[in-house]
Amino acid sequence: MRFNDTIVSFRVKENTIDQCMYLKVSGSKVMFLIMYVDDILLATNDLGFLHETKKFLSRNFEVKDMGDVSYVIGIEIFCNRS
């Protein structure tokens, strides 16, 4: 099964303009999945949503959690954990 088919089965929507970006919304929870080559950046406003997504990905794909990110393609990432 292709990545796109699998991720869409998790009720994630592919961006029609940029096919490397996906969005999942559940109430006030928002999750962005941004693909770059063979990496996926997950960005969310809810840690439970993050863990749920990581579990789904690890059940369906071989994944390696690289932990928190501080830079992506030369862009500094700010993480607010409040």
Protein backbone atom coordinates (compact mmCIF):
# COMPACT_ATOMS: atom_id res chain seq x y z
CA MET A 1 0.00 0.00 0.00
CA ARG A 2 1.31 3.42 -0.91
CA PHE A 3 2.10 6.02 1.75
CA ASN A 4 -0.67 8.30 0.56
CA ASP A 5 -3.33 5.55 0.72
CA THR A 6 -2.22 4.53 4.20
CA ILE A 7 -2.08 8.04 5.63
CA VAL A 8 -5.47 8.96 4.11
CA SER A 9 -6.94 5.90 5.87
CA PHE A 10 -5.93 7.66 9.12
CA ARG A 11 -8.26 10.53 8.12
CA VAL A 12 -5.38 12.78 7.09
CA LYS A 13 -6.02 15.06 4.13
CA GLU A 14 -3.47 15.70 1.43
CA ASN A 15 -2.88 19.32 0.46
CA THR A 16 -4.10 19.77 -3.13
CA ILE A 17 -1.44 22.39 -3.90
CA ASP A 18 1.59 20.81 -2.20
CA GLN A 19 1.41 17.02 -2.20
CA CYS A 20 4.17 16.79 0.42
CA MET A 21 1.96 18.34 3.08
CA TYR A 22 -0.88 16.65 4.94
CA LEU A 23 -3.33 17.92 7.55
CA LYS A 24 -5.42 16.20 10.20
CA VAL A 25 -7.96 18.11 12.26
CA SER A 26 -10.04 16.75 15.12
CA GLY A 27 -11.98 19.41 16.98
CA SER A 28 -9.40 21.91 18.21
CA LYS A 29 -6.49 19.52 17.55
CA VAL A 30 -4.40 20.15 14.44
CA MET A 31 -1.59 18.01 13.02
CA PHE A 32 0.61 18.85 10.04
CA LEU A 33 2.66 16.11 8.37
CA ILE A 34 5.30 17.61 6.14
CA MET A 35 7.36 15.28 3.97
CA TYR A 36 10.86 16.10 2.80
CA VAL A 37 12.67 13.40 0.80
CA ASP A 38 12.41 10.43 3.23
CA ASP A 39 11.68 12.38 6.41
CA ILE A 40 8.39 13.49 7.94
CA LEU A 41 8.09 16.53 10.17
CA LEU A 42 5.10 16.36 12.54
CA ALA A 43 3.77 19.61 13.97
CA THR A 44 0.76 19.76 16.28
CA ASN A 45 -0.90 21.72 19.04
CA ASP A 46 -1.64 18.57 21.07
CA LEU A 47 0.91 16.06 22.40
CA GLY A 48 -1.68 13.27 22.62
CA PHE A 49 -2.44 13.78 18.95
CA LEU A 50 1.31 13.58 18.24
CA HIS A 51 1.68 10.26 20.09
CA GLU A 52 -1.41 8.83 18.37
CA THR A 53 0.04 9.75 14.96
CA LYS A 54 3.47 8.32 15.79
CA LYS A 55 1.84 5.03 16.85
CA PHE A 56 -0.12 4.86 13.60
CA LEU A 57 2.98 5.54 11.52
CA SER A 58 5.08 2.96 13.39
CA ARG A 59 2.36 0.29 12.94
CA ASN A 60 2.37 0.86 9.18
CA PHE A 61 5.94 1.81 8.33
CA GLU A 62 9.46 1.34 9.55
CA VAL A 63 10.12 4.58 11.42
CA LYS A 64 12.88 6.12 13.45
CA ASP A 65 11.90 8.92 15.82
CA MET A 66 14.59 11.58 15.60
CA GLY A 67 13.15 13.50 18.57
CA ASP A 68 12.57 17.22 18.76
CA VAL A 69 13.70 19.28 15.83
CA SER A 70 15.45 22.63 15.98
CA TYR A 71 16.24 23.14 12.27
CA VAL A 72 14.60 21.88 9.07
CA ILE A 73 16.16 22.67 5.68
CA GLY A 74 18.01 25.55 7.31
CA ILE A 75 14.95 27.04 9.01
CA GLU A 76 14.99 27.38 12.78
CA ILE A 77 11.98 25.81 14.49
CA PHE A 78 10.53 27.35 17.65
CA CYS A 79 8.88 24.91 20.04
CA ASN A 80 6.42 26.29 22.58
CA ARG A 81 5.63 23.64 25.22
CA SER A 82 3.28 25.67 27.37
